[in-house]
Amino acid sequence: MSLKDKLLADLQDAMRKGDTLRRDTIRFLRAAITNEEVARQVESLDDTGVAEVLQRQAKQRRESIAEFKKANRQELVVKEEAELAIL
C-alpha cells in the first residue's frame, strides 16, 4: 500500500470516528501533496516524494511551535503539537 493510499484510508477512518483534528491534519497534508504534484508537473508523487512533503509539513509544525512558545500562545502550541503527533 502506497503512502497516498494509507493517507486516504486514515482520512476515511478519521471521518468515520469523528476525529476532526486528525481529519483536518490529513486533509492539509493531502493538499500539500497535491500542490507538490502541480509544482513538479507530475501526475502522482511516489512514496519518496510523499515522504518529503510529510517531512516538510512536520518541520513547519516544529517551527510554528517554537514561534508560538515565544509569543506565549499556549493554545496554538497545543494544537500544533497535536498535529505534529498525527504527522
C-alpha atoms as a PDB file:
ATOM      1  CA  MET A   1       0.000   0.000   0.000  1.00  0.00           C
ATOM      2  CA  SER A   2       1.448   3.361  -1.016  1.00  0.00           C
ATOM      3  CA  LEU A   3       1.658   6.272   1.405  1.00  0.00           C
ATOM      4  CA  LYS A   4      -1.072   8.126  -0.505  1.00  0.00           C
ATOM      5  CA  ASP A   5      -3.381   5.115  -0.184  1.00  0.00           C
ATOM      6  CA  LYS A   6      -2.571   4.885   3.528  1.00  0.00           C
ATOM      7  CA  LEU A   7      -3.392   8.579   3.978  1.00  0.00           C
ATOM      8  CA  LEU A   8      -6.720   8.112   2.219  1.00  0.00           C
ATOM      9  CA  ALA A   9      -7.552   5.144   4.451  1.00  0.00           C
ATOM     10  CA  ASP A  10      -6.543   7.141   7.544  1.00  0.00           C
ATOM     11  CA  LEU A  11      -8.698  10.062   6.389  1.00  0.00           C
ATOM     12  CA  GLN A  12     -11.713   7.828   5.923  1.00  0.00           C
ATOM     13  CA  ASP A  13     -11.140   6.260   9.335  1.00  0.00           C
ATOM     14  CA  ALA A  14     -10.887   9.694  10.996  1.00  0.00           C
ATOM     15  CA  MET A  15     -14.109  10.766   9.293  1.00  0.00           C
ATOM     16  CA  ARG A  16     -15.919   7.646  10.483  1.00  0.00           C
ATOM     17  CA  LYS A  17     -14.734   8.174  14.058  1.00  0.00           C
ATOM     18  CA  GLY A  18     -15.498  11.910  14.061  1.00  0.00           C
ATOM     19  CA  ASP A  19     -11.877  12.831  14.821  1.00  0.00           C
ATOM     20  CA  THR A  20     -11.862  16.354  13.400  1.00  0.00           C
ATOM     21  CA  LEU A  21      -8.261  17.236  14.276  1.00  0.00           C
ATOM     22  CA  ARG A  22      -6.896  14.099  12.608  1.00  0.00           C
ATOM     23  CA  ARG A  23      -9.236  14.562   9.628  1.00  0.00           C
ATOM     24  CA  ASP A  24      -8.203  18.184   9.097  1.00  0.00           C
ATOM     25  CA  THR A  25      -4.492  17.439   9.518  1.00  0.00           C
ATOM     26  CA  ILE A  26      -4.617  14.658   6.929  1.00  0.00           C
ATOM     27  CA  ARG A  27      -6.586  16.887   4.564  1.00  0.00           C
ATOM     28  CA  PHE A  28      -3.938  19.616   4.872  1.00  0.00           C
ATOM     29  CA  LEU A  29      -1.234  17.045   4.184  1.00  0.00           C
ATOM     30  CA  ARG A  30      -3.066  15.708   1.134  1.00  0.00           C
ATOM     31  CA  ALA A  31      -3.468  19.287  -0.146  1.00  0.00           C
ATOM     32  CA  ALA A  32       0.274  19.866   0.286  1.00  0.00           C
ATOM     33  CA  ILE A  33       0.949  16.662  -1.678  1.00  0.00           C
ATOM     34  CA  THR A  34      -1.354  17.824  -4.470  1.00  0.00           C
ATOM     35  CA  ASN A  35       0.371  21.224  -4.527  1.00  0.00           C
ATOM     36  CA  GLU A  36       3.741  19.496  -4.813  1.00  0.00           C
ATOM     37  CA  GLU A  37       2.464  17.358  -7.710  1.00  0.00           C
ATOM     38  CA  VAL A  38       1.322  20.505  -9.518  1.00  0.00           C
ATOM     39  CA  ALA A  39       4.621  22.271  -8.810  1.00  0.00           C
ATOM     40  CA  ARG A  40       6.650  19.321 -10.102  1.00  0.00           C
ATOM     41  CA  GLN A  41       4.226  18.835 -13.007  1.00  0.00           C
ATOM     42  CA  VAL A  42       3.768  15.142 -12.294  1.00  0.00           C
ATOM     43  CA  GLU A  43       0.577  13.160 -12.158  1.00  0.00           C
ATOM     44  CA  SER A  44       1.359  11.419  -8.889  1.00  0.00           C
ATOM     45  CA  LEU A  45       4.202  11.530  -6.377  1.00  0.00           C
ATOM     46  CA  ASP A  46       5.880   8.297  -5.414  1.00  0.00           C
ATOM     47  CA  ASP A  47       6.376   7.326  -1.765  1.00  0.00           C
ATOM     48  CA  THR A  48       9.681   9.215  -1.622  1.00  0.00           C
ATOM     49  CA  GLY A  49       8.031  12.431  -2.786  1.00  0.00           C
ATOM     50  CA  VAL A  50       5.171  11.984  -0.337  1.00  0.00           C
ATOM     51  CA  ALA A  51       7.678  11.383   2.481  1.00  0.00           C
ATOM     52  CA  GLU A  52       9.487  14.624   1.554  1.00  0.00           C
ATOM     53  CA  VAL A  53       6.227  16.576   1.770  1.00  0.00           C
ATOM     54  CA  LEU A  54       5.463  14.894   5.095  1.00  0.00           C
ATOM     55  CA  GLN A  55       8.884  15.886   6.456  1.00  0.00           C
ATOM     56  CA  ARG A  56       8.395  19.495   5.326  1.00  0.00           C
ATOM     57  CA  GLN A  57       4.989  19.649   6.994  1.00  0.00           C
ATOM     58  CA  ALA A  58       6.429  18.245  10.229  1.00  0.00           C
ATOM     59  CA  LYS A  59       9.262  20.785  10.109  1.00  0.00           C
ATOM     60  CA  GLN A  60       6.737  23.560   9.584  1.00  0.00           C
ATOM     61  CA  ARG A  61       4.812  22.420  12.672  1.00  0.00           C
ATOM     62  CA  ARG A  62       8.003  22.316  14.778  1.00  0.00           C
ATOM     63  CA  GLU A  63       8.902  25.856  13.675  1.00  0.00           C
ATOM     64  CA  SER A  64       5.376  27.063  14.439  1.00  0.00           C
ATOM     65  CA  ILE A  65       5.551  25.530  17.908  1.00  0.00           C
ATOM     66  CA  ALA A  66       8.774  27.413  18.614  1.00  0.00           C
ATOM     67  CA  GLU A  67       7.288  30.711  17.419  1.00  0.00           C
ATOM     68  CA  PHE A  68       4.065  30.243  19.359  1.00  0.00           C
ATOM     69  CA  LYS A  69       6.044  29.469  22.527  1.00  0.00           C
ATOM     70  CA  LYS A  70       7.963  32.736  22.066  1.00  0.00           C
ATOM     71  CA  ALA A  71       4.666  34.583  21.680  1.00  0.00           C
ATOM     72  CA  ASN A  72       3.213  32.814  24.739  1.00  0.00           C
ATOM     73  CA  ARG A  73       0.313  31.344  22.713  1.00  0.00           C
ATOM     74  CA  GLN A  74      -0.139  28.082  24.581  1.00  0.00           C
ATOM     75  CA  GLU A  75      -3.437  27.148  22.903  1.00  0.00           C
ATOM     76  CA  LEU A  76      -1.751  27.266  19.484  1.00  0.00           C
ATOM     77  CA  VAL A  77       1.251  25.336  20.794  1.00  0.00           C
ATOM     78  CA  VAL A  78      -1.067  22.556  21.961  1.00  0.00           C
ATOM     79  CA  LYS A  79      -2.849  22.457  18.579  1.00  0.00           C
ATOM     80  CA  GLU A  80       0.402  22.368  16.595  1.00  0.00           C
ATOM     81  CA  GLU A  81       1.853  19.655  18.860  1.00  0.00           C
ATOM     82  CA  ALA A  82      -1.252  17.541  18.322  1.00  0.00           C
ATOM     83  CA  GLU A  83      -0.944  17.965  14.537  1.00  0.00           C
ATOM     84  CA  LEU A  84       2.742  17.079  14.691  1.00  0.00           C
ATOM     85  CA  ALA A  85       1.899  13.901  16.604  1.00  0.00           C
ATOM     86  CA  ILE A  86      -0.555  12.940  13.861  1.00  0.00           C
ATOM     87  CA  LEU A  87       2.005  13.593  11.141  1.00  0.00           C
END
